[in-house]
């Protein structure tokens, strides 16, 4: 699984937007950058938003541990 950290500046204040490859619109680093800039601009519509740089990480997939929660019989279930 690929994870991106997109570094931006908002009115010259530096920050980072973390983007997971699991987001439906993320295909590569370019789409991660565009997503991060769009989100930042929507949060700060009147600010000067600039892209600084991007870091890309390859993360191990989470292990399949099955269903980890077992319901106790004495606990009522409400529907």
C-alpha atoms as a PDB file:
ATOM      1  CA  UNK A   1       0.000   0.000   0.000  1.00  0.00           C
ATOM      2  CA  UNK A   2       1.352   3.423  -0.915  1.00  0.00           C
ATOM      3  CA  UNK A   3       0.999   6.421   1.393  1.00  0.00           C
ATOM      4  CA  UNK A   4       1.761  10.028   0.426  1.00  0.00           C
ATOM      5  CA  UNK A   5       2.652  13.070   2.486  1.00  0.00           C
ATOM      6  CA  UNK A   6       2.054  16.217   0.464  1.00  0.00           C
ATOM      7  CA  UNK A   7       3.768  19.264   1.905  1.00  0.00           C
ATOM      8  CA  UNK A   8       2.064  22.576   1.215  1.00  0.00           C
ATOM      9  CA  UNK A   9       2.198  26.155   2.377  1.00  0.00           C
ATOM     10  CA  UNK A  10      -0.861  28.199   3.253  1.00  0.00           C
ATOM     11  CA  UNK A  11      -0.066  31.904   3.333  1.00  0.00           C
ATOM     12  CA  UNK A  12       3.585  30.883   3.807  1.00  0.00           C
ATOM     13  CA  UNK A  13       2.763  28.597   6.777  1.00  0.00           C
ATOM     14  CA  UNK A  14       4.078  25.096   6.072  1.00  0.00           C
ATOM     15  CA  UNK A  15       1.910  22.031   6.597  1.00  0.00           C
ATOM     16  CA  UNK A  16       1.339  18.476   5.424  1.00  0.00           C
ATOM     17  CA  UNK A  17      -1.647  16.591   4.021  1.00  0.00           C
ATOM     18  CA  UNK A  18      -1.470  12.819   4.444  1.00  0.00           C
ATOM     19  CA  UNK A  19      -3.076  10.885   1.603  1.00  0.00           C
ATOM     20  CA  UNK A  20      -3.658   7.158   1.463  1.00  0.00           C
ATOM     21  CA  UNK A  21      -3.613   5.151  -1.760  1.00  0.00           C
ATOM     22  CA  UNK A  22      -6.940   3.688  -0.587  1.00  0.00           C
ATOM     23  CA  UNK A  23      -8.740   6.953  -1.444  1.00  0.00           C
ATOM     24  CA  UNK A  24     -10.777   6.303  -4.609  1.00  0.00           C
ATOM     25  CA  UNK A  25      -9.326   9.216  -6.581  1.00  0.00           C
ATOM     26  CA  UNK A  26      -5.644   8.472  -5.839  1.00  0.00           C
ATOM     27  CA  UNK A  27      -3.791   6.656  -8.619  1.00  0.00           C
ATOM     28  CA  UNK A  28      -0.255   8.051  -8.271  1.00  0.00           C
ATOM     29  CA  UNK A  29       1.739  10.883  -6.714  1.00  0.00           C
ATOM     30  CA  UNK A  30       0.324  13.415  -9.180  1.00  0.00           C
ATOM     31  CA  UNK A  31      -3.267  12.645  -8.195  1.00  0.00           C
ATOM     32  CA  UNK A  32      -2.263  12.704  -4.493  1.00  0.00           C
ATOM     33  CA  UNK A  33      -0.797  16.188  -4.967  1.00  0.00           C
ATOM     34  CA  UNK A  34      -3.913  17.408  -6.788  1.00  0.00           C
ATOM     35  CA  UNK A  35      -6.156  15.937  -4.084  1.00  0.00           C
ATOM     36  CA  UNK A  36      -4.132  17.572  -1.292  1.00  0.00           C
ATOM     37  CA  UNK A  37      -4.149  20.956  -3.014  1.00  0.00           C
ATOM     38  CA  UNK A  38      -7.904  20.747  -3.685  1.00  0.00           C
ATOM     39  CA  UNK A  39      -8.637  19.865  -0.046  1.00  0.00           C
ATOM     40  CA  UNK A  40      -6.360  22.618   1.231  1.00  0.00           C
ATOM     41  CA  UNK A  41      -7.881  25.207  -1.100  1.00  0.00           C
ATOM     42  CA  UNK A  42     -11.387  24.208  -0.034  1.00  0.00           C
ATOM     43  CA  UNK A  43     -10.415  24.695   3.633  1.00  0.00           C
ATOM     44  CA  UNK A  44      -8.643  28.009   2.989  1.00  0.00           C
ATOM     45  CA  UNK A  45     -10.377  29.569  -0.038  1.00  0.00           C
ATOM     46  CA  UNK A  46      -8.894  33.040   0.451  1.00  0.00           C
ATOM     47  CA  UNK A  47      -5.325  31.915   1.173  1.00  0.00           C
ATOM     48  CA  UNK A  48      -2.318  31.515  -1.084  1.00  0.00           C
ATOM     49  CA  UNK A  49      -1.835  27.727  -1.313  1.00  0.00           C
ATOM     50  CA  UNK A  50       1.391  26.342  -2.768  1.00  0.00           C
ATOM     51  CA  UNK A  51       2.765  22.848  -3.297  1.00  0.00           C
ATOM     52  CA  UNK A  52       6.212  22.335  -1.728  1.00  0.00           C
ATOM     53  CA  UNK A  53       7.117  18.651  -2.181  1.00  0.00           C
ATOM     54  CA  UNK A  54       5.771  15.122  -1.782  1.00  0.00           C
ATOM     55  CA  UNK A  55       7.052  12.041   0.059  1.00  0.00           C
ATOM     56  CA  UNK A  56       5.955   8.564  -0.947  1.00  0.00           C
ATOM     57  CA  UNK A  57       6.035   5.562   1.384  1.00  0.00           C
ATOM     58  CA  UNK A  58       5.428   1.905   0.676  1.00  0.00           C
ATOM     59  CA  UNK A  59       3.596   0.417   3.654  1.00  0.00           C
ATOM     60  CA  UNK A  60       3.001  -3.231   4.424  1.00  0.00           C
ATOM     61  CA  UNK A  61      -0.567  -4.386   4.017  1.00  0.00           C
ATOM     62  CA  UNK A  62      -2.469  -5.031   7.204  1.00  0.00           C
ATOM     63  CA  UNK A  63      -2.658  -8.708   8.077  1.00  0.00           C
ATOM     64  CA  UNK A  64      -5.979 -10.483   7.770  1.00  0.00           C
ATOM     65  CA  UNK A  65      -6.807 -11.326  11.378  1.00  0.00           C
ATOM     66  CA  UNK A  66     -10.411 -12.232  10.758  1.00  0.00           C
ATOM     67  CA  UNK A  67     -13.265 -11.023  12.887  1.00  0.00           C
ATOM     68  CA  UNK A  68     -11.695  -9.906  16.167  1.00  0.00           C
ATOM     69  CA  UNK A  69     -14.818  -8.992  18.126  1.00  0.00           C
ATOM     70  CA  UNK A  70     -16.927 -11.684  19.690  1.00  0.00           C
ATOM     71  CA  UNK A  71     -20.290 -10.693  21.100  1.00  0.00           C
ATOM     72  CA  UNK A  72     -20.868 -11.836  24.665  1.00  0.00           C
ATOM     73  CA  UNK A  73     -24.152 -13.726  25.111  1.00  0.00           C
ATOM     74  CA  UNK A  74     -25.156 -11.637  28.142  1.00  0.00           C
ATOM     75  CA  UNK A  75     -24.980  -8.406  26.123  1.00  0.00           C
ATOM     76  CA  UNK A  76     -28.344  -7.498  24.557  1.00  0.00           C
ATOM     77  CA  UNK A  77     -28.470  -6.666  20.873  1.00  0.00           C
ATOM     78  CA  UNK A  78     -30.868  -3.917  19.790  1.00  0.00           C
ATOM     79  CA  UNK A  79     -32.207  -3.742  16.248  1.00  0.00           C
END
